[in-house]
Amino acid sequence: MGATDSLATNGVLAASYVSGTHMWNGNAAILNPKPASTPYVAWLSVAPKAAGFIVIFRLYLEGVGDRVMLWVPLAAGLATITIIAGNLMAIPQQNIKRLLAYSGIAHIGYMLVGFAALSPSGTGMVLFYLVAYVLGNMGAFLVVEAVSRSEGSEHLDAFRGLAQRSPLLALAMLLFLLSLGGIPFVAGFWAKLYVFWAAAQAGLYWLVLVGAVLTVVALFYYLMIARLMYIDSPARPGPVAVTGTLAVSVLLCVLGVV
């Protein structure tokens, strides 16, 4: 691997939140003196990832020719580390924005699983995964925006009893969480299935196993939010106020994941 390749790799991985610099993805959500606004964090959680993967495809799948096979061990290793790190960092979070930001790191790892397959089907499935992730993640952040405006808090407890207060908003959030978690039969399920299938066709069975196990781990914190919404009692009565623009945006994201 030449110096140019190494420099390009570091830049692309940083842009895609796969190297050590991905920590600011979560930190930017909550650790600033003044926490970032939800729309900004939502944009921050998806836009650089999309741009980074487009660069990866252009640079490594089209630009390096036969040497592309040298990237399989690196991509597979980075996928493993990123999936594990993202999920483990998301589990203890009590701030909903930070939880979603760190879980986004894990989703980068799942996309790298498809990239490691180095096949036309793997490339197509990564792009499909990226679209499914953008819709599910943006939709979840939009619901967070509505709830945080109403409750004045981004703590997970703000979602207690949401199904009783605003059933449609809770249903939308549930669909986004199911999609992010890869539960049948929303878009995120098909995205993970196809990415794993592409990796299996490339003989990366161990990587598929790692991804499948960590998908189960991710369900812990996604379904924890669902439990708060549907099982726990609300802290106060009354529906969550949602503006017309926000409602339309949430609806479009719902249509995208179903």
C-alpha atoms as a PDB file:
ATOM      1  CA  MET A   1       0.000   0.000   0.000  1.00  0.00           C
ATOM      2  CA  GLY A   2       1.525   3.306  -1.068  1.00  0.00           C
ATOM      3  CA  ALA A   3       1.679   6.564   0.810  1.00  0.00           C
ATOM      4  CA  THR A   4      -1.035   8.038  -1.405  1.00  0.00           C
ATOM      5  CA  ASP A   5      -3.339   5.105  -0.714  1.00  0.00           C
ATOM      6  CA  SER A   6      -2.702   5.420   3.030  1.00  0.00           C
ATOM      7  CA  LEU A   7      -3.486   9.126   3.047  1.00  0.00           C
ATOM      8  CA  ALA A   8      -6.653   8.612   1.041  1.00  0.00           C
ATOM      9  CA  THR A   9      -7.739   5.784   3.322  1.00  0.00           C
ATOM     10  CA  ASN A  10      -7.339   7.866   6.467  1.00  0.00           C
ATOM     11  CA  GLY A  11      -9.309  10.747   5.001  1.00  0.00           C
ATOM     12  CA  VAL A  12     -12.151   8.593   3.768  1.00  0.00           C
ATOM     13  CA  LEU A  13     -12.403   6.636   7.014  1.00  0.00           C
ATOM     14  CA  ALA A  14     -12.482   9.847   9.025  1.00  0.00           C
ATOM     15  CA  ALA A  15     -15.239  11.253   6.826  1.00  0.00           C
ATOM     16  CA  SER A  16     -17.223   8.050   7.251  1.00  0.00           C
ATOM     17  CA  TYR A  17     -16.765   7.848  11.065  1.00  0.00           C
ATOM     18  CA  VAL A  18     -14.877   4.581  10.900  1.00  0.00           C
ATOM     19  CA  SER A  19     -11.524   5.677  12.308  1.00  0.00           C
ATOM     20  CA  GLY A  20     -10.861   6.973  15.814  1.00  0.00           C
ATOM     21  CA  THR A  21     -12.185  10.378  14.821  1.00  0.00           C
ATOM     22  CA  HIS A  22     -15.735   8.987  14.685  1.00  0.00           C
ATOM     23  CA  MET A  23     -16.074   9.804  18.393  1.00  0.00           C
ATOM     24  CA  TRP A  24     -17.117  13.370  17.570  1.00  0.00           C
ATOM     25  CA  ASN A  25     -20.266  12.007  15.930  1.00  0.00           C
ATOM     26  CA  GLY A  26     -21.696  11.281  19.372  1.00  0.00           C
ATOM     27  CA  ASN A  27     -19.892  14.054  21.223  1.00  0.00           C
ATOM     28  CA  ALA A  28     -21.221  16.760  18.913  1.00  0.00           C
ATOM     29  CA  ALA A  29     -24.735  15.701  19.852  1.00  0.00           C
ATOM     30  CA  ILE A  30     -24.501  16.445  23.548  1.00  0.00           C
ATOM     31  CA  LEU A  31     -21.049  17.362  24.923  1.00  0.00           C
ATOM     32  CA  ASN A  32     -20.896  20.895  23.536  1.00  0.00           C
ATOM     33  CA  PRO A  33     -21.464  23.724  26.049  1.00  0.00           C
ATOM     34  CA  LYS A  34     -24.707  24.339  24.223  1.00  0.00           C
ATOM     35  CA  PRO A  35     -26.070  21.058  22.873  1.00  0.00           C
ATOM     36  CA  ALA A  36     -26.496  20.964  19.104  1.00  0.00           C
ATOM     37  CA  SER A  37     -29.997  21.362  17.724  1.00  0.00           C
ATOM     38  CA  THR A  38     -31.781  18.172  16.688  1.00  0.00           C
ATOM     39  CA  PRO A  39     -31.987  19.021  12.941  1.00  0.00           C
ATOM     40  CA  TYR A  40     -28.256  19.749  12.921  1.00  0.00           C
ATOM     41  CA  VAL A  41     -27.413  16.489  14.695  1.00  0.00           C
ATOM     42  CA  ALA A  42     -29.719  14.610  12.307  1.00  0.00           C
ATOM     43  CA  TRP A  43     -27.908  16.094   9.331  1.00  0.00           C
ATOM     44  CA  LEU A  44     -24.536  15.446  10.945  1.00  0.00           C
ATOM     45  CA  SER A  45     -25.420  11.801  11.505  1.00  0.00           C
ATOM     46  CA  VAL A  46     -26.217  11.015   7.865  1.00  0.00           C
ATOM     47  CA  ALA A  47     -24.653  13.484   5.407  1.00  0.00           C
ATOM     48  CA  PRO A  48     -20.929  12.782   6.014  1.00  0.00           C
ATOM     49  CA  LYS A  49     -21.593   9.031   5.998  1.00  0.00           C
ATOM     50  CA  ALA A  50     -23.279   9.216   2.603  1.00  0.00           C
ATOM     51  CA  ALA A  51     -20.507  11.386   1.175  1.00  0.00           C
ATOM     52  CA  GLY A  52     -17.817   9.141   2.645  1.00  0.00           C
ATOM     53  CA  PHE A  53     -19.228   5.980   1.087  1.00  0.00           C
ATOM     54  CA  ILE A  54     -19.613   7.618  -2.301  1.00  0.00           C
ATOM     55  CA  VAL A  55     -15.916   8.526  -2.145  1.00  0.00           C
ATOM     56  CA  ILE A  56     -15.034   4.985  -1.035  1.00  0.00           C
ATOM     57  CA  PHE A  57     -16.847   3.479  -4.010  1.00  0.00           C
ATOM     58  CA  ARG A  58     -15.294   5.888  -6.475  1.00  0.00           C
ATOM     59  CA  LEU A  59     -11.792   5.607  -5.072  1.00  0.00           C
ATOM     60  CA  TYR A  60     -11.451   1.931  -4.226  1.00  0.00           C
ATOM     61  CA  LEU A  61     -13.949   0.084  -6.398  1.00  0.00           C
ATOM     62  CA  GLU A  62     -13.262   2.105  -9.540  1.00  0.00           C
ATOM     63  CA  GLY A  63      -9.877   3.704  -8.986  1.00  0.00           C
ATOM     64  CA  VAL A  64      -7.443   0.992  -7.839  1.00  0.00           C
ATOM     65  CA  GLY A  65      -8.186  -1.791 -10.316  1.00  0.00           C
ATOM     66  CA  ASP A  66      -6.964  -5.264  -9.385  1.00  0.00           C
ATOM     67  CA  ARG A  67      -5.509  -4.022  -6.099  1.00  0.00           C
ATOM     68  CA  VAL A  68      -9.028  -3.689  -4.719  1.00  0.00           C
ATOM     69  CA  MET A  69      -8.831  -7.212  -3.259  1.00  0.00           C
ATOM     70  CA  LEU A  70      -6.131  -5.996  -0.881  1.00  0.00           C
ATOM     71  CA  TRP A  71      -8.791  -3.934   0.907  1.00  0.00           C
ATOM     72  CA  VAL A  72     -10.978  -6.912   1.894  1.00  0.00           C
ATOM     73  CA  PRO A  73      -9.194  -7.701   5.214  1.00  0.00           C
ATOM     74  CA  LEU A  74      -9.074  -4.002   6.129  1.00  0.00           C
ATOM     75  CA  ALA A  75     -12.745  -3.432   5.327  1.00  0.00           C
ATOM     76  CA  ALA A  76     -13.808  -6.583   7.192  1.00  0.00           C
ATOM     77  CA  GLY A  77     -11.716  -5.678  10.228  1.00  0.00           C
ATOM     78  CA  LEU A  78     -13.012  -2.114  10.310  1.00  0.00           C
ATOM     79  CA  ALA A  79     -16.578  -3.377   9.933  1.00  0.00           C
ATOM     80  CA  THR A  80     -16.135  -5.631  12.967  1.00  0.00           C
ATOM     81  CA  ILE A  81     -14.549  -2.952  15.154  1.00  0.00           C
ATOM     82  CA  THR A  82     -17.107  -0.321  14.159  1.00  0.00           C
ATOM     83  CA  ILE A  83     -20.150  -2.534  14.700  1.00  0.00           C
ATOM     84  CA  ILE A  84     -18.929  -3.604  18.132  1.00  0.00           C
ATOM     85  CA  ALA A  85     -17.827  -0.130  19.250  1.00  0.00           C
ATOM     86  CA  GLY A  86     -20.955   1.656  18.033  1.00  0.00           C
ATOM     87  CA  ASN A  87     -23.357  -0.742  19.717  1.00  0.00           C
ATOM     88  CA  LEU A  88     -21.444  -0.914  22.997  1.00  0.00           C
ATOM     89  CA  MET A  89     -21.240   2.881  23.201  1.00  0.00           C
ATOM     90  CA  ALA A  90     -24.965   3.233  22.464  1.00  0.00           C
ATOM     91  CA  ILE A  91     -26.169   0.827  25.165  1.00  0.00           C
ATOM     92  CA  PRO A  92     -25.507   2.975  28.279  1.00  0.00           C
ATOM     93  CA  GLN A  93     -26.731   6.262  26.790  1.00  0.00           C
ATOM     94  CA  GLN A  94     -29.633   8.032  28.486  1.00  0.00           C
ATOM     95  CA  ASN A  95     -29.783  10.932  26.046  1.00  0.00           C
ATOM     96  CA  ILE A  96     -31.793   9.922  22.975  1.00  0.00           C
ATOM     97  CA  LYS A  97     -29.764  12.026  20.536  1.00  0.00           C
ATOM     98  CA  ARG A  98     -26.493  10.591  21.766  1.00  0.00           C
ATOM     99  CA  LEU A  99     -27.903   7.055  21.599  1.00  0.00           C
ATOM    100  CA  LEU A 100     -28.913   7.526  17.969  1.00  0.00           C
ATOM    101  CA  ALA A 101     -25.598   9.174  17.131  1.00  0.00           C
ATOM    102  CA  TYR A 102     -23.556   6.288  18.526  1.00  0.00           C
ATOM    103  CA  SER A 103     -25.823   3.672  16.968  1.00  0.00           C
ATOM    104  CA  GLY A 104     -25.100   5.386  13.657  1.00  0.00           C
ATOM    105  CA  ILE A 105     -21.458   4.333  14.069  1.00  0.00           C
ATOM    106  CA  ALA A 106     -22.620   0.717  14.170  1.00  0.00           C
ATOM    107  CA  HIS A 107     -24.613   1.237  10.976  1.00  0.00           C
ATOM    108  CA  ILE A 108     -21.430   2.365   9.237  1.00  0.00           C
ATOM    109  CA  GLY A 109     -20.008  -1.006  10.206  1.00  0.00           C
ATOM    110  CA  TYR A 110     -22.936  -2.841   8.627  1.00  0.00           C
ATOM    111  CA  MET A 111     -22.410  -0.896   5.413  1.00  0.00           C
ATOM    112  CA  LEU A 112     -18.740  -1.852   5.479  1.00  0.00           C
ATOM    113  CA  VAL A 113     -19.856  -5.492   5.588  1.00  0.00           C
ATOM    114  CA  GLY A 114     -21.333  -5.012   2.121  1.00  0.00           C
ATOM    115  CA  PHE A 115     -18.276  -3.097   0.968  1.00  0.00           C
ATOM    116  CA  ALA A 116     -16.016  -5.946   2.107  1.00  0.00           C
ATOM    117  CA  ALA A 117     -17.887  -8.293  -0.248  1.00  0.00           C
ATOM    118  CA  LEU A 118     -16.395  -6.352  -3.204  1.00  0.00           C
ATOM    119  CA  SER A 119     -19.111  -7.422  -5.614  1.00  0.00           C
ATOM    120  CA  PRO A 120     -21.687  -5.599  -7.736  1.00  0.00           C
ATOM    121  CA  SER A 121     -24.456  -6.964  -5.505  1.00  0.00           C
ATOM    122  CA  GLY A 122     -22.574  -5.851  -2.395  1.00  0.00           C
ATOM    123  CA  THR A 123     -22.189  -2.336  -3.758  1.00  0.00           C
ATOM    124  CA  GLY A 124     -25.869  -2.134  -4.640  1.00  0.00           C
ATOM    125  CA  MET A 125     -26.895  -3.420  -1.235  1.00  0.00           C
ATOM    126  CA  VAL A 126     -24.710  -0.872   0.552  1.00  0.00           C
ATOM    127  CA  LEU A 127     -26.439   1.917  -1.366  1.00  0.00           C
ATOM    128  CA  PHE A 128     -29.835   0.423  -0.484  1.00  0.00           C
ATOM    129  CA  TYR A 129     -28.744   0.174   3.164  1.00  0.00           C
ATOM    130  CA  LEU A 130     -27.635   3.797   3.094  1.00  0.00           C
ATOM    131  CA  VAL A 131     -31.047   4.952   1.853  1.00  0.00           C
ATOM    132  CA  ALA A 132     -32.892   2.826   4.430  1.00  0.00           C
ATOM    133  CA  TYR A 133     -30.648   4.151   7.196  1.00  0.00           C
ATOM    134  CA  VAL A 134     -31.066   7.781   6.160  1.00  0.00           C
ATOM    135  CA  LEU A 135     -34.863   7.481   6.176  1.00  0.00           C
ATOM    136  CA  GLY A 136     -35.032   5.612   9.487  1.00  0.00           C
ATOM    137  CA  ASN A 137     -32.494   7.782  11.253  1.00  0.00           C
ATOM    138  CA  MET A 138     -33.859  11.099   9.990  1.00  0.00           C
ATOM    139  CA  GLY A 139     -37.368  10.004  10.920  1.00  0.00           C
ATOM    140  CA  ALA A 140     -36.270   9.064  14.436  1.00  0.00           C
ATOM    141  CA  PHE A 141     -34.537  12.415  14.904  1.00  0.00           C
ATOM    142  CA  LEU A 142     -37.653  14.246  13.718  1.00  0.00           C
ATOM    143  CA  VAL A 143     -39.733  12.475  16.367  1.00  0.00           C
ATOM    144  CA  VAL A 144     -37.055  13.331  18.936  1.00  0.00           C
ATOM    145  CA  GLU A 145     -37.374  16.973  17.878  1.00  0.00           C
ATOM    146  CA  ALA A 146     -41.139  16.923  18.486  1.00  0.00           C
ATOM    147  CA  VAL A 147     -40.839  15.199  21.874  1.00  0.00           C
ATOM    148  CA  SER A 148     -37.930  17.320  23.103  1.00  0.00           C
ATOM    149  CA  ARG A 149     -39.784  20.522  22.173  1.00  0.00           C
ATOM    150  CA  SER A 150     -42.832  19.365  24.104  1.00  0.00           C
ATOM    151  CA  GLU A 151     -41.033  17.943  27.146  1.00  0.00           C
ATOM    152  CA  GLY A 152     -38.049  20.258  27.255  1.00  0.00           C
ATOM    153  CA  SER A 153     -35.813  17.206  27.630  1.00  0.00           C
ATOM    154  CA  GLU A 154     -33.854  14.789  25.448  1.00  0.00           C
ATOM    155  CA  HIS A 155     -33.655  12.141  28.174  1.00  0.00           C
ATOM    156  CA  LEU A 156     -35.090   8.729  27.359  1.00  0.00           C
ATOM    157  CA  ASP A 157     -37.692   9.248  30.085  1.00  0.00           C
ATOM    158  CA  ALA A 158     -39.306  11.918  27.898  1.00  0.00           C
ATOM    159  CA  PHE A 159     -40.669   9.053  25.759  1.00  0.00           C
ATOM    160  CA  ARG A 160     -42.521   7.372  28.637  1.00  0.00           C
ATOM    161  CA  GLY A 161     -46.141   6.705  27.713  1.00  0.00           C
ATOM    162  CA  LEU A 162     -45.849   8.389  24.313  1.00  0.00           C
ATOM    163  CA  ALA A 163     -48.230   5.825  22.810  1.00  0.00           C
ATOM    164  CA  GLN A 164     -50.943   6.970  25.204  1.00  0.00           C
ATOM    165  CA  ARG A 165     -50.347  10.659  24.566  1.00  0.00           C
ATOM    166  CA  SER A 166     -49.662  10.676  20.801  1.00  0.00           C
ATOM    167  CA  PRO A 167     -50.354   7.229  19.299  1.00  0.00           C
ATOM    168  CA  LEU A 168     -49.438   8.147  15.713  1.00  0.00           C
ATOM    169  CA  LEU A 169     -46.158   9.751  16.722  1.00  0.00           C
ATOM    170  CA  ALA A 170     -45.299   6.692  18.832  1.00  0.00           C
ATOM    171  CA  LEU A 171     -46.173   4.389  15.921  1.00  0.00           C
ATOM    172  CA  ALA A 172     -43.903   6.373  13.612  1.00  0.00           C
ATOM    173  CA  MET A 173     -41.045   6.165  16.115  1.00  0.00           C
ATOM    174  CA  LEU A 174     -41.638   2.422  16.529  1.00  0.00           C
ATOM    175  CA  LEU A 175     -41.369   1.912  12.763  1.00  0.00           C
ATOM    176  CA  PHE A 176     -38.134   3.887  12.643  1.00  0.00           C
ATOM    177  CA  LEU A 177     -36.689   1.875  15.539  1.00  0.00           C
ATOM    178  CA  LEU A 178     -37.733  -1.417  13.922  1.00  0.00           C
ATOM    179  CA  SER A 179     -36.089  -0.354  10.673  1.00  0.00           C
ATOM    180  CA  LEU A 180     -32.868   0.703  12.405  1.00  0.00           C
ATOM    181  CA  GLY A 181     -32.883  -2.559  14.359  1.00  0.00           C
ATOM    182  CA  GLY A 182     -33.455  -4.697  11.274  1.00  0.00           C
ATOM    183  CA  ILE A 183     -36.780  -6.209  12.358  1.00  0.00           C
ATOM    184  CA  PRO A 184     -39.004  -7.740   9.634  1.00  0.00           C
ATOM    185  CA  PHE A 185     -40.408  -6.455   7.401  1.00  0.00           C
ATOM    186  CA  VAL A 186     -39.460  -2.821   7.196  1.00  0.00           C
ATOM    187  CA  ALA A 187     -36.714  -1.377   4.979  1.00  0.00           C
ATOM    188  CA  GLY A 188     -33.919  -1.840   7.504  1.00  0.00           C
ATOM    189  CA  PHE A 189     -34.583  -5.590   7.684  1.00  0.00           C
ATOM    190  CA  TRP A 190     -34.175  -6.054   3.941  1.00  0.00           C
ATOM    191  CA  ALA A 191     -31.117  -3.795   3.933  1.00  0.00           C
ATOM    192  CA  LYS A 192     -29.322  -5.881   6.590  1.00  0.00           C
ATOM    193  CA  LEU A 193     -30.419  -9.142   4.991  1.00  0.00           C
ATOM    194  CA  TYR A 194     -29.076  -8.166   1.567  1.00  0.00           C
ATOM    195  CA  VAL A 195     -25.793  -6.834   2.978  1.00  0.00           C
ATOM    196  CA  PHE A 196     -25.261 -10.057   4.942  1.00  0.00           C
ATOM    197  CA  TRP A 197     -26.194 -12.094   1.877  1.00  0.00           C
ATOM    198  CA  ALA A 198     -23.585 -10.294  -0.227  1.00  0.00           C
ATOM    199  CA  ALA A 199     -20.929 -10.945   2.432  1.00  0.00           C
ATOM    200  CA  ALA A 200     -21.916 -14.615   2.660  1.00  0.00           C
ATOM    201  CA  GLN A 201     -21.604 -14.983  -1.108  1.00  0.00           C
ATOM    202  CA  ALA A 202     -18.063 -13.627  -0.790  1.00  0.00           C
ATOM    203  CA  GLY A 203     -17.260 -16.283   1.825  1.00  0.00           C
ATOM    204  CA  LEU A 204     -17.180 -13.834   4.773  1.00  0.00           C
ATOM    205  CA  TYR A 205     -19.297 -16.047   7.002  1.00  0.00           C
ATOM    206  CA  TRP A 206     -17.526 -14.980  10.191  1.00  0.00           C
ATOM    207  CA  LEU A 207     -18.324 -11.348   9.419  1.00  0.00           C
ATOM    208  CA  VAL A 208     -21.975 -12.205   8.842  1.00  0.00           C
ATOM    209  CA  LEU A 209     -22.019 -13.971  12.222  1.00  0.00           C
ATOM    210  CA  VAL A 210     -20.516 -10.944  13.975  1.00  0.00           C
ATOM    211  CA  GLY A 211     -23.059  -8.648  12.318  1.00  0.00           C
ATOM    212  CA  ALA A 212     -25.985 -10.898  13.210  1.00  0.00           C
ATOM    213  CA  VAL A 213     -24.951 -11.197  16.874  1.00  0.00           C
ATOM    214  CA  LEU A 214     -24.467  -7.442  17.239  1.00  0.00           C
ATOM    215  CA  THR A 215     -27.818  -6.841  15.537  1.00  0.00           C
ATOM    216  CA  VAL A 216     -29.416  -8.705  18.448  1.00  0.00           C
ATOM    217  CA  VAL A 217     -27.415  -6.556  20.878  1.00  0.00           C
ATOM    218  CA  ALA A 218     -28.686  -3.401  19.163  1.00  0.00           C
ATOM    219  CA  LEU A 219     -32.262  -4.533  19.680  1.00  0.00           C
ATOM    220  CA  PHE A 220     -31.716  -4.083  23.417  1.00  0.00           C
ATOM    221  CA  TYR A 221     -31.575  -0.298  23.254  1.00  0.00           C
ATOM    222  CA  TYR A 222     -33.980   0.137  20.337  1.00  0.00           C
ATOM    223  CA  LEU A 223     -36.675  -1.951  22.017  1.00  0.00           C
ATOM    224  CA  MET A 224     -35.955  -0.240  25.331  1.00  0.00           C
ATOM    225  CA  ILE A 225     -37.267   2.970  23.750  1.00  0.00           C
ATOM    226  CA  ALA A 226     -40.293   1.064  22.447  1.00  0.00           C
ATOM    227  CA  ARG A 227     -40.970  -0.253  25.956  1.00  0.00           C
ATOM    228  CA  LEU A 228     -40.882   3.263  27.358  1.00  0.00           C
ATOM    229  CA  MET A 229     -43.391   4.425  24.756  1.00  0.00           C
ATOM    230  CA  TYR A 230     -45.851   1.532  24.960  1.00  0.00           C
ATOM    231  CA  ILE A 231     -45.583   0.030  28.445  1.00  0.00           C
ATOM    232  CA  ASP A 232     -44.554   2.781  30.841  1.00  0.00           C
ATOM    233  CA  SER A 233     -47.024   5.377  32.065  1.00  0.00           C
ATOM    234  CA  PRO A 234     -46.646   8.965  30.852  1.00  0.00           C
ATOM    235  CA  ALA A 235     -45.176  11.528  33.214  1.00  0.00           C
ATOM    236  CA  ARG A 236     -47.901  13.981  32.256  1.00  0.00           C
ATOM    237  CA  PRO A 237     -51.087  13.891  30.165  1.00  0.00           C
ATOM    238  CA  GLY A 238     -51.798  15.658  26.903  1.00  0.00           C
ATOM    239  CA  PRO A 239     -50.609  15.043  23.329  1.00  0.00           C
ATOM    240  CA  VAL A 240     -47.222  16.095  21.998  1.00  0.00           C
ATOM    241  CA  ALA A 241     -47.549  19.161  19.801  1.00  0.00           C
ATOM    242  CA  VAL A 242     -46.287  18.596  16.240  1.00  0.00           C
ATOM    243  CA  THR A 243     -46.033  21.314  13.604  1.00  0.00           C
ATOM    244  CA  GLY A 244     -47.424  20.707  10.149  1.00  0.00           C
ATOM    245  CA  THR A 245     -44.011  20.708   8.501  1.00  0.00           C
ATOM    246  CA  LEU A 246     -42.642  18.262  11.030  1.00  0.00           C
ATOM    247  CA  ALA A 247     -45.658  15.973  10.647  1.00  0.00           C
ATOM    248  CA  VAL A 248     -45.270  15.877   6.854  1.00  0.00           C
ATOM    249  CA  SER A 249     -41.539  15.150   7.185  1.00  0.00           C
ATOM    250  CA  VAL A 250     -42.191  12.288   9.615  1.00  0.00           C
ATOM    251  CA  LEU A 251     -44.860  10.873   7.290  1.00  0.00           C
ATOM    252  CA  LEU A 252     -42.494  10.904   4.310  1.00  0.00           C
ATOM    253  CA  CYS A 253     -39.871   9.042   6.325  1.00  0.00           C
ATOM    254  CA  VAL A 254     -42.493   6.503   7.462  1.00  0.00           C
ATOM    255  CA  LEU A 255     -43.490   5.865   3.843  1.00  0.00           C
ATOM    256  CA  GLY A 256     -39.842   5.371   3.035  1.00  0.00           C
ATOM    257  CA  VAL A 257     -39.199   2.687   5.658  1.00  0.00           C
ATOM    258  CA  VAL A 258     -42.366   0.689   5.059  1.00  0.00           C
END
